[in-house]
Amino acid sequence: MKKQLIGMASDHAGYELKEQLKPFLTELGYDIKDFGTDSIESMDYADTAHPLA
């Protein structure tokens, strides 16, 4: 059976939660596509939300 893909994106405020959720979802059998951000450095959420959408 093909794994389901989950796309994830966050701004700097959600970065740590996103990073905590990724291994949990992977353990449940999902593939994850991470659209960013890759740090807690301040950024505009639209920079990651638009590619995810």
Protein backbone atom coordinates (compact mmCIF):
# COMPACT_ATOMS: atom_id res chain seq x y z
CA MET A 1 0.00 0.00 0.00
CA LYS A 2 1.30 3.44 -0.94
CA LYS A 3 2.08 5.77 1.96
CA GLN A 4 0.05 8.93 2.26
CA LEU A 5 1.95 12.19 1.87
CA ILE A 6 1.52 15.03 4.34
CA GLY A 7 2.78 18.50 3.44
CA MET A 8 3.97 20.65 6.33
CA ALA A 9 4.94 24.30 6.57
CA SER A 10 5.31 26.83 9.35
CA ASP A 11 6.65 30.23 10.15
CA HIS A 12 9.30 30.76 12.83
CA ALA A 13 6.72 30.53 15.64
CA GLY A 14 5.61 27.05 14.57
CA TYR A 15 9.03 25.64 13.67
CA GLU A 16 9.62 23.68 16.89
CA LEU A 17 6.15 22.09 16.85
CA LYS A 18 6.55 21.14 13.18
CA GLU A 19 9.87 19.47 13.96
CA GLN A 20 8.29 17.52 16.85
CA LEU A 21 5.38 16.34 14.69
CA LYS A 22 7.47 15.07 11.76
CA PRO A 23 8.96 11.98 13.48
CA PHE A 24 5.61 11.17 15.10
CA LEU A 25 3.83 11.22 11.73
CA THR A 26 6.65 9.25 10.08
CA GLU A 27 6.35 6.60 12.78
CA LEU A 28 2.63 6.36 11.98
CA GLY A 29 3.58 5.55 8.38
CA TYR A 30 3.18 8.88 6.60
CA ASP A 31 5.65 10.42 4.16
CA ILE A 32 6.42 14.06 4.98
CA LYS A 33 7.15 16.88 2.54
CA ASP A 34 8.57 19.80 4.53
CA PHE A 35 8.13 23.20 2.88
CA GLY A 36 9.97 25.04 5.66
CA THR A 37 10.90 27.03 7.58
CA ASP A 38 14.19 25.52 8.69
CA SER A 39 14.90 27.69 11.74
CA ILE A 40 13.41 29.89 14.45
CA GLU A 41 14.68 32.99 12.63
CA SER A 42 11.85 35.46 12.00
CA MET A 43 10.22 35.10 8.58
CA ASP A 44 6.94 35.67 6.74
CA TYR A 45 4.59 32.67 6.92
CA ALA A 46 3.46 33.24 3.32
CA ASP A 47 6.93 32.23 2.11
CA THR A 48 6.17 28.65 3.20
CA ALA A 49 2.36 28.60 3.04
CA HIS A 50 2.07 29.45 -0.67
CA PRO A 51 4.30 26.58 -1.87
CA LEU A 52 2.39 24.20 0.41
CA ALA A 53 -0.98 25.30 -0.95
